[in-house]
Amino acid sequence: MWITRTISPPTRASAEITPTAITPSASTAPDGLQIVKQVLDAGATIKVLDFPSLDLTTPEGRGFLAMFSAMAERERIRIVARTREGRRIAMTNGVKMGPPFKLTEHQRKLAAKRMATGESARQIARDFNVSHNTIATLR
């Protein structure tokens, strides 16, 4: 749901929040239920446009929301686990994570050799037209 965590009292008697879709607005199911409770306690109603039969003013509606939130939380955990496993397999296969190197392998070796002779990282960086931090990480 597109709801902020800060809930202020409604400005008119029949205030209404109308999210266009049920999307995660909280990191866990209890967080989402707490947000809904704050909205309802503030005197506002929630109507979900793509799920009009979900009436969050009733215990049944809040129960369905709790179930959906728990399923979404479980799916999020599964997505994170799959992503970590995929990254682990990729790194085992030699895939470099992160942005591409600014310098070629030959340039990195050359810069490391120059740093070993005592030349400053800033001077080497100027010669290769990169940040001195790029050179400093070669140590």
N, C-alpha and C. Protein backbone atom coordinates (compact mmCIF):
# COMPACT_ATOMS: atom_id res chain seq x y z
N MET A 1 0.84 -1.18 0.00
CA MET A 1 0.00 0.00 0.00
C MET A 1 0.88 1.23 0.00
N TRP A 2 0.44 2.24 -0.63
CA TRP A 2 1.20 3.48 -0.68
C TRP A 2 0.78 4.34 0.51
N ILE A 3 1.32 4.02 1.67
CA ILE A 3 0.96 4.73 2.90
C ILE A 3 2.25 5.13 3.59
N THR A 4 2.30 6.35 4.08
CA THR A 4 3.47 6.77 4.83
C THR A 4 3.34 6.31 6.27
N ARG A 5 4.45 6.26 6.99
CA ARG A 5 4.44 5.82 8.37
C ARG A 5 3.87 6.89 9.30
N THR A 6 3.87 8.15 8.88
CA THR A 6 3.34 9.21 9.72
C THR A 6 1.87 9.39 9.40
N ILE A 7 1.03 9.11 10.36
CA ILE A 7 -0.42 9.24 10.16
C ILE A 7 -0.92 10.40 11.00
N SER A 8 -1.54 11.37 10.35
CA SER A 8 -2.11 12.48 11.09
C SER A 8 -3.63 12.35 11.07
N PRO A 9 -4.32 12.96 12.01
CA PRO A 9 -5.78 12.85 12.03
C PRO A 9 -6.38 13.38 10.74
N PRO A 10 -7.48 12.79 10.30
CA PRO A 10 -8.09 13.25 9.05
C PRO A 10 -8.54 14.71 9.15
N THR A 11 -8.47 15.40 8.02
CA THR A 11 -8.85 16.81 8.02
C THR A 11 -10.35 16.99 7.85
N ARG A 12 -11.04 15.97 7.41
CA ARG A 12 -12.49 16.04 7.30
C ARG A 12 -13.07 14.74 7.83
N ALA A 13 -14.36 14.72 8.01
CA ALA A 13 -15.01 13.59 8.70
C ALA A 13 -14.84 12.27 7.95
N SER A 14 -14.83 12.27 6.63
CA SER A 14 -14.75 11.01 5.89
C SER A 14 -13.47 10.92 5.08
N ALA A 15 -12.34 11.09 5.73
CA ALA A 15 -11.06 11.00 5.03
C ALA A 15 -10.87 9.59 4.50
N GLU A 16 -10.23 9.49 3.33
CA GLU A 16 -10.07 8.20 2.70
C GLU A 16 -8.71 8.11 2.04
N ILE A 17 -8.02 6.99 2.24
CA ILE A 17 -6.76 6.72 1.55
C ILE A 17 -7.08 5.68 0.49
N THR A 18 -6.70 5.93 -0.76
CA THR A 18 -7.02 5.02 -1.83
C THR A 18 -5.75 4.63 -2.58
N PRO A 19 -5.05 3.58 -2.12
CA PRO A 19 -3.89 3.11 -2.88
C PRO A 19 -4.38 2.44 -4.16
N THR A 20 -3.57 2.50 -5.22
CA THR A 20 -3.98 1.92 -6.49
C THR A 20 -3.67 0.44 -6.58
N ALA A 21 -2.82 -0.06 -5.70
CA ALA A 21 -2.48 -1.48 -5.72
C ALA A 21 -1.98 -1.88 -4.35
N ILE A 22 -2.03 -3.17 -4.08
CA ILE A 22 -1.46 -3.66 -2.82
C ILE A 22 0.01 -3.90 -3.09
N THR A 23 0.85 -3.06 -2.56
CA THR A 23 2.30 -3.20 -2.69
C THR A 23 2.91 -3.06 -1.32
N PRO A 24 4.10 -3.65 -1.11
CA PRO A 24 4.67 -3.58 0.24
C PRO A 24 5.05 -2.16 0.63
N SER A 25 4.57 -1.73 1.78
CA SER A 25 4.98 -0.42 2.30
C SER A 25 5.72 -0.61 3.62
N ALA A 26 5.83 -1.82 4.05
CA ALA A 26 6.49 -2.12 5.32
C ALA A 26 7.42 -3.31 5.10
N SER A 27 8.41 -3.43 5.95
CA SER A 27 9.38 -4.50 5.77
C SER A 27 8.87 -5.83 6.29
N THR A 28 7.92 -5.83 7.20
CA THR A 28 7.37 -7.08 7.73
C THR A 28 5.86 -6.97 7.84
N ALA A 29 5.21 -8.13 7.96
CA ALA A 29 3.75 -8.16 8.06
C ALA A 29 3.25 -7.36 9.27
N PRO A 30 3.85 -7.51 10.45
CA PRO A 30 3.37 -6.71 11.58
C PRO A 30 3.49 -5.20 11.35
N ASP A 31 4.54 -4.78 10.62
CA ASP A 31 4.67 -3.35 10.30
C ASP A 31 3.49 -2.89 9.45
N GLY A 32 3.14 -3.69 8.44
CA GLY A 32 2.02 -3.32 7.57
C GLY A 32 0.71 -3.26 8.32
N LEU A 33 0.49 -4.22 9.22
CA LEU A 33 -0.74 -4.21 10.00
C LEU A 33 -0.78 -3.01 10.94
N GLN A 34 0.38 -2.63 11.46
CA GLN A 34 0.44 -1.46 12.35
C GLN A 34 0.09 -0.18 11.58
N ILE A 35 0.56 -0.09 10.34
CA ILE A 35 0.24 1.08 9.51
C ILE A 35 -1.27 1.16 9.28
N VAL A 36 -1.86 0.01 8.93
CA VAL A 36 -3.31 -0.02 8.70
C VAL A 36 -4.05 0.38 9.96
N LYS A 37 -3.61 -0.14 11.11
CA LYS A 37 -4.26 0.19 12.39
C LYS A 37 -4.18 1.69 12.65
N GLN A 38 -3.03 2.31 12.38
CA GLN A 38 -2.87 3.76 12.60
C GLN A 38 -3.82 4.55 11.70
N VAL A 39 -3.95 4.10 10.45
CA VAL A 39 -4.86 4.79 9.52
C VAL A 39 -6.29 4.70 10.02
N LEU A 40 -6.69 3.49 10.40
CA LEU A 40 -8.07 3.30 10.86
C LEU A 40 -8.31 4.02 12.18
N ASP A 41 -7.33 4.00 13.09
CA ASP A 41 -7.47 4.71 14.36
C ASP A 41 -7.58 6.22 14.16
N ALA A 42 -6.97 6.72 13.07
CA ALA A 42 -7.02 8.15 12.77
C ALA A 42 -8.38 8.54 12.18
N GLY A 43 -9.23 7.55 11.94
CA GLY A 43 -10.56 7.85 11.42
C GLY A 43 -10.66 7.81 9.91
N ALA A 44 -9.62 7.38 9.24
CA ALA A 44 -9.64 7.30 7.77
C ALA A 44 -10.01 5.89 7.35
N THR A 45 -10.42 5.74 6.11
CA THR A 45 -10.69 4.42 5.57
C THR A 45 -9.69 4.13 4.47
N ILE A 46 -9.53 2.85 4.16
CA ILE A 46 -8.60 2.43 3.11
C ILE A 46 -9.40 1.61 2.10
N LYS A 47 -9.34 2.02 0.83
CA LYS A 47 -9.96 1.26 -0.25
C LYS A 47 -8.87 0.98 -1.28
N VAL A 48 -8.71 -0.28 -1.63
CA VAL A 48 -7.71 -0.68 -2.61
C VAL A 48 -8.39 -0.83 -3.96
N LEU A 49 -7.96 -0.01 -4.93
CA LEU A 49 -8.66 0.04 -6.22
C LEU A 49 -8.61 -1.26 -7.00
N ASP A 50 -7.47 -1.99 -6.94
CA ASP A 50 -7.39 -3.22 -7.72
C ASP A 50 -7.91 -4.44 -6.94
N PHE A 51 -8.45 -4.22 -5.74
CA PHE A 51 -9.03 -5.29 -4.93
C PHE A 51 -10.19 -4.70 -4.13
N PRO A 52 -11.27 -4.29 -4.82
CA PRO A 52 -12.35 -3.56 -4.15
C PRO A 52 -13.07 -4.36 -3.07
N SER A 53 -13.02 -5.69 -3.13
CA SER A 53 -13.73 -6.49 -2.13
C SER A 53 -12.95 -6.59 -0.82
N LEU A 54 -11.73 -6.07 -0.78
CA LEU A 54 -10.93 -6.09 0.44
C LEU A 54 -11.34 -4.89 1.30
N ASP A 55 -12.16 -5.16 2.30
CA ASP A 55 -12.65 -4.11 3.19
C ASP A 55 -11.84 -4.16 4.48
N LEU A 56 -10.93 -3.21 4.64
CA LEU A 56 -10.02 -3.23 5.78
C LEU A 56 -10.66 -2.68 7.06
N THR A 57 -11.93 -2.34 6.98
CA THR A 57 -12.61 -1.88 8.20
C THR A 57 -13.19 -3.06 8.97
N THR A 58 -13.18 -4.25 8.36
CA THR A 58 -13.72 -5.43 9.03
C THR A 58 -12.60 -6.33 9.52
N PRO A 59 -12.84 -7.14 10.54
CA PRO A 59 -11.82 -8.08 11.00
C PRO A 59 -11.40 -9.06 9.90
N GLU A 60 -12.35 -9.48 9.06
CA GLU A 60 -12.03 -10.40 7.97
C GLU A 60 -11.06 -9.74 6.98
N GLY A 61 -11.33 -8.49 6.65
CA GLY A 61 -10.46 -7.77 5.72
C GLY A 61 -9.07 -7.62 6.27
N ARG A 62 -8.95 -7.28 7.54
CA ARG A 62 -7.63 -7.15 8.15
C ARG A 62 -6.95 -8.51 8.24
N GLY A 63 -7.75 -9.57 8.40
CA GLY A 63 -7.19 -10.93 8.41
C GLY A 63 -6.59 -11.29 7.06
N PHE A 64 -7.34 -10.95 5.98
CA PHE A 64 -6.81 -11.18 4.64
C PHE A 64 -5.53 -10.38 4.43
N LEU A 65 -5.52 -9.14 4.88
CA LEU A 65 -4.33 -8.32 4.73
C LEU A 65 -3.15 -8.95 5.47
N ALA A 66 -3.41 -9.48 6.66
CA ALA A 66 -2.35 -10.14 7.43
C ALA A 66 -1.81 -11.34 6.66
N MET A 67 -2.71 -12.11 6.07
CA MET A 67 -2.29 -13.28 5.29
C MET A 67 -1.46 -12.85 4.08
N PHE A 68 -1.94 -11.84 3.34
CA PHE A 68 -1.20 -11.35 2.18
C PHE A 68 0.17 -10.81 2.60
N SER A 69 0.20 -10.10 3.71
CA SER A 69 1.47 -9.53 4.19
C SER A 69 2.45 -10.64 4.56
N ALA A 70 1.95 -11.68 5.22
CA ALA A 70 2.82 -12.80 5.60
C ALA A 70 3.34 -13.52 4.36
N MET A 71 2.48 -13.70 3.35
CA MET A 71 2.93 -14.34 2.12
C MET A 71 3.97 -13.48 1.40
N ALA A 72 3.76 -12.18 1.38
CA ALA A 72 4.71 -11.28 0.73
C ALA A 72 6.04 -11.28 1.47
N GLU A 73 5.99 -11.31 2.80
CA GLU A 73 7.21 -11.34 3.59
C GLU A 73 7.98 -12.64 3.32
N ARG A 74 7.26 -13.76 3.25
CA ARG A 74 7.90 -15.04 2.96
C ARG A 74 8.53 -15.03 1.57
N GLU A 75 7.83 -14.47 0.60
CA GLU A 75 8.37 -14.40 -0.76
C GLU A 75 9.61 -13.52 -0.80
N ARG A 76 9.61 -12.44 -0.04
CA ARG A 76 10.78 -11.56 0.01
C ARG A 76 11.98 -12.33 0.55
N ILE A 77 11.78 -13.13 1.59
CA ILE A 77 12.86 -13.94 2.15
C ILE A 77 13.39 -14.92 1.11
N ARG A 78 12.48 -15.54 0.35
CA ARG A 78 12.90 -16.48 -0.69
C ARG A 78 13.67 -15.78 -1.81
N ILE A 79 13.24 -14.58 -2.19
CA ILE A 79 13.95 -13.83 -3.24
C ILE A 79 15.36 -13.49 -2.79
N VAL A 80 15.50 -13.03 -1.54
CA VAL A 80 16.82 -12.69 -1.02
C VAL A 80 17.72 -13.93 -1.00
N ALA A 81 17.18 -15.06 -0.58
CA ALA A 81 17.97 -16.30 -0.53
C ALA A 81 18.41 -16.72 -1.94
N ARG A 82 17.50 -16.64 -2.91
CA ARG A 82 17.86 -17.01 -4.28
C ARG A 82 18.91 -16.06 -4.85
N THR A 83 18.77 -14.78 -4.54
CA THR A 83 19.74 -13.80 -5.03
C THR A 83 21.12 -14.07 -4.45
N ARG A 84 21.18 -14.31 -3.15
CA ARG A 84 22.48 -14.61 -2.51
C ARG A 84 23.11 -15.87 -3.10
N GLU A 85 22.29 -16.90 -3.31
CA GLU A 85 22.81 -18.14 -3.88
C GLU A 85 23.33 -17.90 -5.29
N GLY A 86 22.59 -17.15 -6.09
CA GLY A 86 23.03 -16.84 -7.45
C GLY A 86 24.33 -16.06 -7.47
N ARG A 87 24.46 -15.09 -6.56
CA ARG A 87 25.70 -14.31 -6.47
C ARG A 87 26.86 -15.19 -6.05
N ARG A 88 26.60 -16.10 -5.09
CA ARG A 88 27.67 -16.99 -4.62
C ARG A 88 28.15 -17.88 -5.77
N ILE A 89 27.22 -18.44 -6.53
CA ILE A 89 27.59 -19.29 -7.66
C ILE A 89 28.35 -18.49 -8.71
N ALA A 90 27.89 -17.28 -9.00
CA ALA A 90 28.55 -16.44 -10.00
C ALA A 90 29.98 -16.11 -9.57
N MET A 91 30.16 -15.75 -8.29
CA MET A 91 31.51 -15.42 -7.82
C MET A 91 32.41 -16.64 -7.83
N THR A 92 31.86 -17.82 -7.53
CA THR A 92 32.63 -19.07 -7.61
C THR A 92 33.08 -19.31 -9.04
N ASN A 93 32.26 -18.92 -9.99
CA ASN A 93 32.60 -19.09 -11.41
C ASN A 93 33.47 -17.96 -11.95
N GLY A 94 33.90 -17.05 -11.07
CA GLY A 94 34.82 -16.00 -11.47
C GLY A 94 34.20 -14.72 -11.96
N VAL A 95 32.91 -14.55 -11.79
CA VAL A 95 32.25 -13.31 -12.21
C VAL A 95 32.60 -12.21 -11.22
N LYS A 96 33.05 -11.07 -11.74
CA LYS A 96 33.37 -9.93 -10.88
C LYS A 96 32.11 -9.15 -10.60
N MET A 97 31.82 -8.95 -9.33
CA MET A 97 30.65 -8.16 -8.95
C MET A 97 31.04 -6.69 -8.86
N GLY A 98 30.11 -5.81 -9.07
CA GLY A 98 30.37 -4.38 -8.96
C GLY A 98 30.68 -3.75 -10.31
N PRO A 99 31.06 -2.49 -10.27
CA PRO A 99 31.33 -1.78 -11.53
C PRO A 99 32.60 -2.31 -12.20
N PRO A 100 32.74 -2.09 -13.51
CA PRO A 100 33.93 -2.56 -14.21
C PRO A 100 35.18 -1.82 -13.74
N PHE A 101 36.32 -2.48 -13.89
CA PHE A 101 37.59 -1.85 -13.52
C PHE A 101 37.84 -0.62 -14.40
N LYS A 102 38.44 0.41 -13.82
CA LYS A 102 38.79 1.61 -14.59
C LYS A 102 40.07 1.37 -15.39
N LEU A 103 40.92 0.48 -14.87
CA LEU A 103 42.20 0.20 -15.51
C LEU A 103 42.23 -1.24 -16.00
N THR A 104 43.00 -1.46 -17.07
CA THR A 104 43.18 -2.84 -17.54
C THR A 104 44.11 -3.57 -16.57
N GLU A 105 44.19 -4.87 -16.73
CA GLU A 105 45.08 -5.68 -15.87
C GLU A 105 46.53 -5.19 -16.00
N HIS A 106 46.95 -4.89 -17.22
CA HIS A 106 48.31 -4.41 -17.45
C HIS A 106 48.54 -3.07 -16.73
N GLN A 107 47.57 -2.16 -16.83
CA GLN A 107 47.69 -0.85 -16.16
C GLN A 107 47.72 -1.01 -14.64
N ARG A 108 46.93 -1.94 -14.10
CA ARG A 108 46.94 -2.17 -12.65
C ARG A 108 48.29 -2.68 -12.19
N LYS A 109 48.87 -3.59 -12.94
CA LYS A 109 50.20 -4.12 -12.58
C LYS A 109 51.25 -3.02 -12.65
N LEU A 110 51.16 -2.20 -13.69
CA LEU A 110 52.11 -1.09 -13.86
C LEU A 110 51.98 -0.10 -12.70
N ALA A 111 50.77 0.25 -12.34
CA ALA A 111 50.53 1.19 -11.24
C ALA A 111 51.03 0.61 -9.92
N ALA A 112 50.77 -0.67 -9.68
CA ALA A 112 51.23 -1.32 -8.45
C ALA A 112 52.75 -1.32 -8.38
N LYS A 113 53.38 -1.56 -9.50
CA LYS A 113 54.85 -1.56 -9.56
C LYS A 113 55.39 -0.16 -9.24
N ARG A 114 54.76 0.87 -9.80
CA ARG A 114 55.18 2.25 -9.55
C ARG A 114 54.98 2.63 -8.08
N MET A 115 53.87 2.16 -7.48
CA MET A 115 53.63 2.45 -6.06
C MET A 115 54.68 1.76 -5.20
N ALA A 116 55.11 0.55 -5.62
CA ALA A 116 56.12 -0.19 -4.86
C ALA A 116 57.46 0.54 -4.86
N THR A 117 57.71 1.34 -5.90
CA THR A 117 58.96 2.11 -5.95
C THR A 117 58.87 3.40 -5.15
N GLY A 118 57.69 3.70 -4.60
CA GLY A 118 57.54 4.87 -3.75
C GLY A 118 56.85 6.05 -4.39
N GLU A 119 56.42 5.92 -5.61
CA GLU A 119 55.72 7.02 -6.29
C GLU A 119 54.34 7.21 -5.64
N SER A 120 53.89 8.44 -5.57
CA SER A 120 52.61 8.72 -4.89
C SER A 120 51.42 8.25 -5.74
N ALA A 121 50.37 7.86 -5.05
CA ALA A 121 49.16 7.40 -5.71
C ALA A 121 48.54 8.53 -6.54
N ARG A 122 48.65 9.76 -6.03
CA ARG A 122 48.08 10.89 -6.76
C ARG A 122 48.79 11.12 -8.11
N GLN A 123 50.11 10.99 -8.12
CA GLN A 123 50.86 11.19 -9.36
C GLN A 123 50.52 10.08 -10.37
N ILE A 124 50.47 8.85 -9.89
CA ILE A 124 50.13 7.72 -10.77
C ILE A 124 48.71 7.91 -11.31
N ALA A 125 47.80 8.34 -10.44
CA ALA A 125 46.40 8.54 -10.84
C ALA A 125 46.31 9.60 -11.94
N ARG A 126 47.09 10.67 -11.80
CA ARG A 126 47.08 11.72 -12.83
C ARG A 126 47.54 11.14 -14.17
N ASP A 127 48.57 10.30 -14.14
CA ASP A 127 49.09 9.72 -15.38
C ASP A 127 48.08 8.80 -16.06
N PHE A 128 47.28 8.10 -15.26
CA PHE A 128 46.29 7.18 -15.82
C PHE A 128 44.91 7.82 -15.96
N ASN A 129 44.79 9.07 -15.55
CA ASN A 129 43.52 9.81 -15.63
C ASN A 129 42.39 9.11 -14.86
N VAL A 130 42.72 8.74 -13.60
CA VAL A 130 41.73 8.13 -12.70
C VAL A 130 41.88 8.78 -11.33
N SER A 131 40.96 8.45 -10.45
CA SER A 131 41.02 8.97 -9.07
C SER A 131 42.18 8.33 -8.32
N HIS A 132 42.74 9.07 -7.36
CA HIS A 132 43.83 8.49 -6.57
C HIS A 132 43.33 7.32 -5.72
N ASN A 133 42.01 7.32 -5.42
CA ASN A 133 41.44 6.19 -4.68
C ASN A 133 41.49 4.90 -5.51
N THR A 134 41.34 5.03 -6.81
CA THR A 134 41.43 3.86 -7.69
C THR A 134 42.82 3.25 -7.58
N ILE A 135 43.82 4.09 -7.53
CA ILE A 135 45.20 3.61 -7.43
C ILE A 135 45.49 3.08 -6.03
N ALA A 136 44.98 3.78 -5.02
CA ALA A 136 45.26 3.38 -3.63
C ALA A 136 44.71 2.00 -3.32
N THR A 137 43.63 1.59 -3.99
CA THR A 137 43.07 0.26 -3.72
C THR A 137 43.93 -0.86 -4.30
N LEU A 138 44.92 -0.54 -5.08
CA LEU A 138 45.77 -1.57 -5.68
C LEU A 138 46.82 -2.09 -4.71
N ARG A 139 46.98 -1.46 -3.58
CA ARG A 139 48.01 -1.87 -2.61
C ARG A 139 47.82 -3.25 -2.14
